[in-house]
Amino acid sequence: MAYLRPGDTLVVPALDRLARSLHDLITLVGDLRRAGVGFRSLHDMSTSTGPGVTA
């Protein structure tokens, strides 16, 4: 996390590899957005209507 810079994108294989709770995940993604860092989860992108969009 210390190496991320504005314009970078953090890619994780699944959301559970990034945060231990929903609260932690929301906080972390908010911090990334404020820092100008994108976020993408490879495994947790599907929804019942098709592929989801990540922040």
PDB file of N, CA and C in Angstrom:
ATOM      1  N   MET A   1       0.815  -1.194   0.000  1.00  0.00           N
ATOM      2  CA  MET A   1       0.000   0.000   0.000  1.00  0.00           C
ATOM      3  C   MET A   1       0.866   1.268   0.000  1.00  0.00           C
ATOM      4  N   ALA A   2       2.011   1.213   0.627  1.00  0.00           N
ATOM      5  CA  ALA A   2       2.882   2.384   0.713  1.00  0.00           C
ATOM      6  C   ALA A   2       3.443   2.783  -0.656  1.00  0.00           C
ATOM      7  N   TYR A   3       3.429   1.877  -1.612  1.00  0.00           N
ATOM      8  CA  TYR A   3       3.999   2.145  -2.939  1.00  0.00           C
ATOM      9  C   TYR A   3       2.979   2.702  -3.928  1.00  0.00           C
ATOM     10  N   LEU A   4       1.699   2.741  -3.559  1.00  0.00           N
ATOM     11  CA  LEU A   4       0.665   3.219  -4.477  1.00  0.00           C
ATOM     12  C   LEU A   4       0.743   4.727  -4.643  1.00  0.00           C
ATOM     13  N   ARG A   5       0.578   5.160  -5.879  1.00  0.00           N
ATOM     14  CA  ARG A   5       0.616   6.583  -6.216  1.00  0.00           C
ATOM     15  C   ARG A   5      -0.656   6.950  -6.977  1.00  0.00           C
ATOM     16  N   PRO A   6      -1.031   8.224  -7.019  1.00  0.00           N
ATOM     17  CA  PRO A   6      -2.200   8.626  -7.799  1.00  0.00           C
ATOM     18  C   PRO A   6      -2.074   8.132  -9.241  1.00  0.00           C
ATOM     19  N   GLY A   7      -3.153   7.566  -9.747  1.00  0.00           N
ATOM     20  CA  GLY A   7      -3.163   7.024 -11.098  1.00  0.00           C
ATOM     21  C   GLY A   7      -2.915   5.522 -11.133  1.00  0.00           C
ATOM     22  N   ASP A   8      -2.381   4.953 -10.054  1.00  0.00           N
ATOM     23  CA  ASP A   8      -2.195   3.506  -9.967  1.00  0.00           C
ATOM     24  C   ASP A   8      -3.544   2.819  -9.754  1.00  0.00           C
ATOM     25  N   THR A   9      -3.584   1.517  -9.986  1.00  0.00           N
ATOM     26  CA  THR A   9      -4.757   0.705  -9.687  1.00  0.00           C
ATOM     27  C   THR A   9      -4.321  -0.482  -8.843  1.00  0.00           C
ATOM     28  N   LEU A  10      -4.956  -0.645  -7.702  1.00  0.00           N
ATOM     29  CA  LEU A  10      -4.699  -1.788  -6.836  1.00  0.00           C
ATOM     30  C   LEU A  10      -5.585  -2.940  -7.299  1.00  0.00           C
ATOM     31  N   VAL A  11      -4.976  -4.064  -7.655  1.00  0.00           N
ATOM     32  CA  VAL A  11      -5.713  -5.239  -8.119  1.00  0.00           C
ATOM     33  C   VAL A  11      -5.521  -6.348  -7.093  1.00  0.00           C
ATOM     34  N   VAL A  12      -6.642  -6.914  -6.630  1.00  0.00           N
ATOM     35  CA  VAL A  12      -6.587  -8.026  -5.673  1.00  0.00           C
ATOM     36  C   VAL A  12      -7.344  -9.213  -6.263  1.00  0.00           C
ATOM     37  N   PRO A  13      -6.944 -10.433  -5.904  1.00  0.00           N
ATOM     38  CA  PRO A  13      -7.631 -11.605  -6.447  1.00  0.00           C
ATOM     39  C   PRO A  13      -9.064 -11.733  -5.927  1.00  0.00           C
ATOM     40  N   ALA A  14      -9.319 -11.333  -4.687  1.00  0.00           N
ATOM     41  CA  ALA A  14     -10.655 -11.393  -4.087  1.00  0.00           C
ATOM     42  C   ALA A  14     -10.713 -10.383  -2.939  1.00  0.00           C
ATOM     43  N   LEU A  15     -11.913  -9.908  -2.634  1.00  0.00           N
ATOM     44  CA  LEU A  15     -12.071  -8.882  -1.603  1.00  0.00           C
ATOM     45  C   LEU A  15     -11.587  -9.348  -0.237  1.00  0.00           C
ATOM     46  N   ASP A  16     -11.751 -10.629   0.067  1.00  0.00           N
ATOM     47  CA  ASP A  16     -11.334 -11.121   1.376  1.00  0.00           C
ATOM     48  C   ASP A  16      -9.815 -11.134   1.541  1.00  0.00           C
ATOM     49  N   ARG A  17      -9.069 -10.928   0.471  1.00  0.00           N
ATOM     50  CA  ARG A  17      -7.610 -10.831   0.556  1.00  0.00           C
ATOM     51  C   ARG A  17      -7.163  -9.413   0.892  1.00  0.00           C
ATOM     52  N   LEU A  18      -8.087  -8.462   0.836  1.00  0.00           N
ATOM     53  CA  LEU A  18      -7.758  -7.059   1.082  1.00  0.00           C
ATOM     54  C   LEU A  18      -8.186  -6.606   2.475  1.00  0.00           C
ATOM     55  N   ALA A  19      -9.362  -7.027   2.921  1.00  0.00           N
ATOM     56  CA  ALA A  19      -9.902  -6.549   4.195  1.00  0.00           C
ATOM     57  C   ALA A  19     -10.566  -7.691   4.956  1.00  0.00           C
ATOM     58  N   ARG A  20     -10.571  -7.562   6.263  1.00  0.00           N
ATOM     59  CA  ARG A  20     -11.154  -8.609   7.111  1.00  0.00           C
ATOM     60  C   ARG A  20     -12.634  -8.388   7.404  1.00  0.00           C
ATOM     61  N   SER A  21     -13.119  -7.172   7.194  1.00  0.00           N
ATOM     62  CA  SER A  21     -14.533  -6.884   7.452  1.00  0.00           C
ATOM     63  C   SER A  21     -15.050  -5.900   6.410  1.00  0.00           C
ATOM     64  N   LEU A  22     -16.350  -5.812   6.304  1.00  0.00           N
ATOM     65  CA  LEU A  22     -16.959  -4.872   5.366  1.00  0.00           C
ATOM     66  C   LEU A  22     -16.591  -3.438   5.744  1.00  0.00           C
ATOM     67  N   HIS A  23     -16.584  -3.140   7.019  1.00  0.00           N
ATOM     68  CA  HIS A  23     -16.208  -1.804   7.475  1.00  0.00           C
ATOM     69  C   HIS A  23     -14.791  -1.461   7.039  1.00  0.00           C
ATOM     70  N   ASP A  24     -13.852  -2.386   7.235  1.00  0.00           N
ATOM     71  CA  ASP A  24     -12.467  -2.158   6.814  1.00  0.00           C
ATOM     72  C   ASP A  24     -12.374  -1.956   5.303  1.00  0.00           C
ATOM     73  N   LEU A  25     -13.131  -2.743   4.537  1.00  0.00           N
ATOM     74  CA  LEU A  25     -13.117  -2.634   3.083  1.00  0.00           C
ATOM     75  C   LEU A  25     -13.625  -1.270   2.635  1.00  0.00           C
ATOM     76  N   ILE A  26     -14.732  -0.823   3.196  1.00  0.00           N
ATOM     77  CA  ILE A  26     -15.299   0.480   2.835  1.00  0.00           C
ATOM     78  C   ILE A  26     -14.315   1.597   3.166  1.00  0.00           C
ATOM     79  N   THR A  27     -13.706   1.520   4.333  1.00  0.00           N
ATOM     80  CA  THR A  27     -12.724   2.526   4.737  1.00  0.00           C
ATOM     81  C   THR A  27     -11.530   2.535   3.795  1.00  0.00           C
ATOM     82  N   LEU A  28     -11.011   1.359   3.490  1.00  0.00           N
ATOM     83  CA  LEU A  28      -9.838   1.254   2.631  1.00  0.00           C
ATOM     84  C   LEU A  28     -10.110   1.768   1.218  1.00  0.00           C
ATOM     85  N   VAL A  29     -11.245   1.378   0.638  1.00  0.00           N
ATOM     86  CA  VAL A  29     -11.581   1.835  -0.713  1.00  0.00           C
ATOM     87  C   VAL A  29     -11.796   3.348  -0.726  1.00  0.00           C
ATOM     88  N   GLY A  30     -12.394   3.887   0.318  1.00  0.00           N
ATOM     89  CA  GLY A  30     -12.543   5.340   0.426  1.00  0.00           C
ATOM     90  C   GLY A  30     -11.195   6.043   0.484  1.00  0.00           C
ATOM     91  N   ASP A  31     -10.284   5.481   1.247  1.00  0.00           N
ATOM     92  CA  ASP A  31      -8.935   6.048   1.333  1.00  0.00           C
ATOM     93  C   ASP A  31      -8.233   5.998  -0.028  1.00  0.00           C
ATOM     94  N   LEU A  32      -8.401   4.881  -0.744  1.00  0.00           N
ATOM     95  CA  LEU A  32      -7.800   4.758  -2.075  1.00  0.00           C
ATOM     96  C   LEU A  32      -8.362   5.807  -3.030  1.00  0.00           C
ATOM     97  N   ARG A  33      -9.660   5.985  -3.010  1.00  0.00           N
ATOM     98  CA  ARG A  33     -10.288   6.980  -3.909  1.00  0.00           C
ATOM     99  C   ARG A  33      -9.777   8.383  -3.616  1.00  0.00           C
ATOM    100  N   ARG A  34      -9.699   8.736  -2.337  1.00  0.00           N
ATOM    101  CA  ARG A  34      -9.196  10.067  -1.964  1.00  0.00           C
ATOM    102  C   ARG A  34      -7.750  10.255  -2.396  1.00  0.00           C
ATOM    103  N   ALA A  35      -6.984   9.167  -2.434  1.00  0.00           N
ATOM    104  CA  ALA A  35      -5.583   9.231  -2.854  1.00  0.00           C
ATOM    105  C   ALA A  35      -5.425   9.161  -4.369  1.00  0.00           C
ATOM    106  N   GLY A  36      -6.555   9.008  -5.097  1.00  0.00           N
ATOM    107  CA  GLY A  36      -6.484   8.940  -6.555  1.00  0.00           C
ATOM    108  C   GLY A  36      -6.053   7.591  -7.079  1.00  0.00           C
ATOM    109  N   VAL A  37      -6.213   6.556  -6.263  1.00  0.00           N
ATOM    110  CA  VAL A  37      -5.812   5.198  -6.640  1.00  0.00           C
ATOM    111  C   VAL A  37      -7.061   4.394  -6.991  1.00  0.00           C
ATOM    112  N   GLY A  38      -7.028   3.714  -8.131  1.00  0.00           N
ATOM    113  CA  GLY A  38      -8.141   2.868  -8.537  1.00  0.00           C
ATOM    114  C   GLY A  38      -8.106   1.545  -7.792  1.00  0.00           C
ATOM    115  N   PHE A  39      -9.199   0.796  -7.883  1.00  0.00           N
ATOM    116  CA  PHE A  39      -9.307  -0.486  -7.190  1.00  0.00           C
ATOM    117  C   PHE A  39     -10.059  -1.471  -8.070  1.00  0.00           C
ATOM    118  N   ARG A  40      -9.565  -2.712  -8.090  1.00  0.00           N
ATOM    119  CA  ARG A  40     -10.230  -3.753  -8.874  1.00  0.00           C
ATOM    120  C   ARG A  40     -10.060  -5.097  -8.179  1.00  0.00           C
ATOM    121  N   SER A  41     -11.154  -5.836  -8.084  1.00  0.00           N
ATOM    122  CA  SER A  41     -11.131  -7.188  -7.542  1.00  0.00           C
ATOM    123  C   SER A  41     -11.413  -8.151  -8.688  1.00  0.00           C
ATOM    124  N   LEU A  42     -10.545  -9.119  -8.897  1.00  0.00           N
ATOM    125  CA  LEU A  42     -10.684 -10.030 -10.030  1.00  0.00           C
ATOM    126  C   LEU A  42     -11.783 -11.067  -9.829  1.00  0.00           C
ATOM    127  N   HIS A  43     -11.948 -11.567  -8.631  1.00  0.00           N
ATOM    128  CA  HIS A  43     -12.869 -12.667  -8.384  1.00  0.00           C
ATOM    129  C   HIS A  43     -14.283 -12.204  -8.076  1.00  0.00           C
ATOM    130  N   ASP A  44     -14.459 -11.094  -7.419  1.00  0.00           N
ATOM    131  CA  ASP A  44     -15.754 -10.655  -6.916  1.00  0.00           C
ATOM    132  C   ASP A  44     -16.451  -9.666  -7.831  1.00  0.00           C
ATOM    133  N   MET A  45     -16.256  -9.805  -9.139  1.00  0.00           N
ATOM    134  CA  MET A  45     -16.824  -8.837 -10.077  1.00  0.00           C
ATOM    135  C   MET A  45     -18.189  -9.230 -10.620  1.00  0.00           C
ATOM    136  N   SER A  46     -18.642 -10.443 -10.431  1.00  0.00           N
ATOM    137  CA  SER A  46     -19.907 -10.883 -11.005  1.00  0.00           C
ATOM    138  C   SER A  46     -21.082 -10.503 -10.120  1.00  0.00           C
ATOM    139  N   THR A  47     -22.200 -10.172 -10.771  1.00  0.00           N
ATOM    140  CA  THR A  47     -23.469  -9.942 -10.065  1.00  0.00           C
ATOM    141  C   THR A  47     -24.509 -10.808 -10.747  1.00  0.00           C
ATOM    142  N   SER A  48     -25.707 -10.807 -10.232  1.00  0.00           N
ATOM    143  CA  SER A  48     -26.750 -11.631 -10.820  1.00  0.00           C
ATOM    144  C   SER A  48     -27.143 -11.158 -12.214  1.00  0.00           C
ATOM    145  N   THR A  49     -26.801  -9.918 -12.557  1.00  0.00           N
ATOM    146  CA  THR A  49     -27.150  -9.379 -13.864  1.00  0.00           C
ATOM    147  C   THR A  49     -25.962  -9.323 -14.813  1.00  0.00           C
ATOM    148  N   GLY A  50     -24.810  -9.790 -14.365  1.00  0.00           N
ATOM    149  CA  GLY A  50     -23.628  -9.785 -15.231  1.00  0.00           C
ATOM    150  C   GLY A  50     -22.453  -9.183 -14.507  1.00  0.00           C
ATOM    151  N   PRO A  51     -21.407  -8.873 -15.260  1.00  0.00           N
ATOM    152  CA  PRO A  51     -20.202  -8.323 -14.645  1.00  0.00           C
ATOM    153  C   PRO A  51     -20.481  -6.998 -13.938  1.00  0.00           C
ATOM    154  N   GLY A  52     -19.858  -6.824 -12.801  1.00  0.00           N
ATOM    155  CA  GLY A  52     -20.016  -5.588 -12.058  1.00  0.00           C
ATOM    156  C   GLY A  52     -18.895  -4.619 -12.376  1.00  0.00           C
ATOM    157  N   VAL A  53     -19.092  -3.402 -11.969  1.00  0.00           N
ATOM    158  CA  VAL A  53     -18.088  -2.360 -12.164  1.00  0.00           C
ATOM    159  C   VAL A  53     -17.486  -2.060 -10.813  1.00  0.00           C
ATOM    160  N   THR A  54     -16.183  -1.965 -10.760  1.00  0.00           N
ATOM    161  CA  THR A  54     -15.513  -1.654  -9.507  1.00  0.00           C
ATOM    162  C   THR A  54     -15.074  -0.215  -9.511  1.00  0.00           C
ATOM    163  N   ALA A  55     -14.820   0.274  -8.306  1.00  0.00           N
ATOM    164  CA  ALA A  55     -14.418   1.674  -8.149  1.00  0.00           C
ATOM    165  C   ALA A  55     -13.006   1.896  -8.628  1.00  0.00           C
TER     166      ALA A  55
END
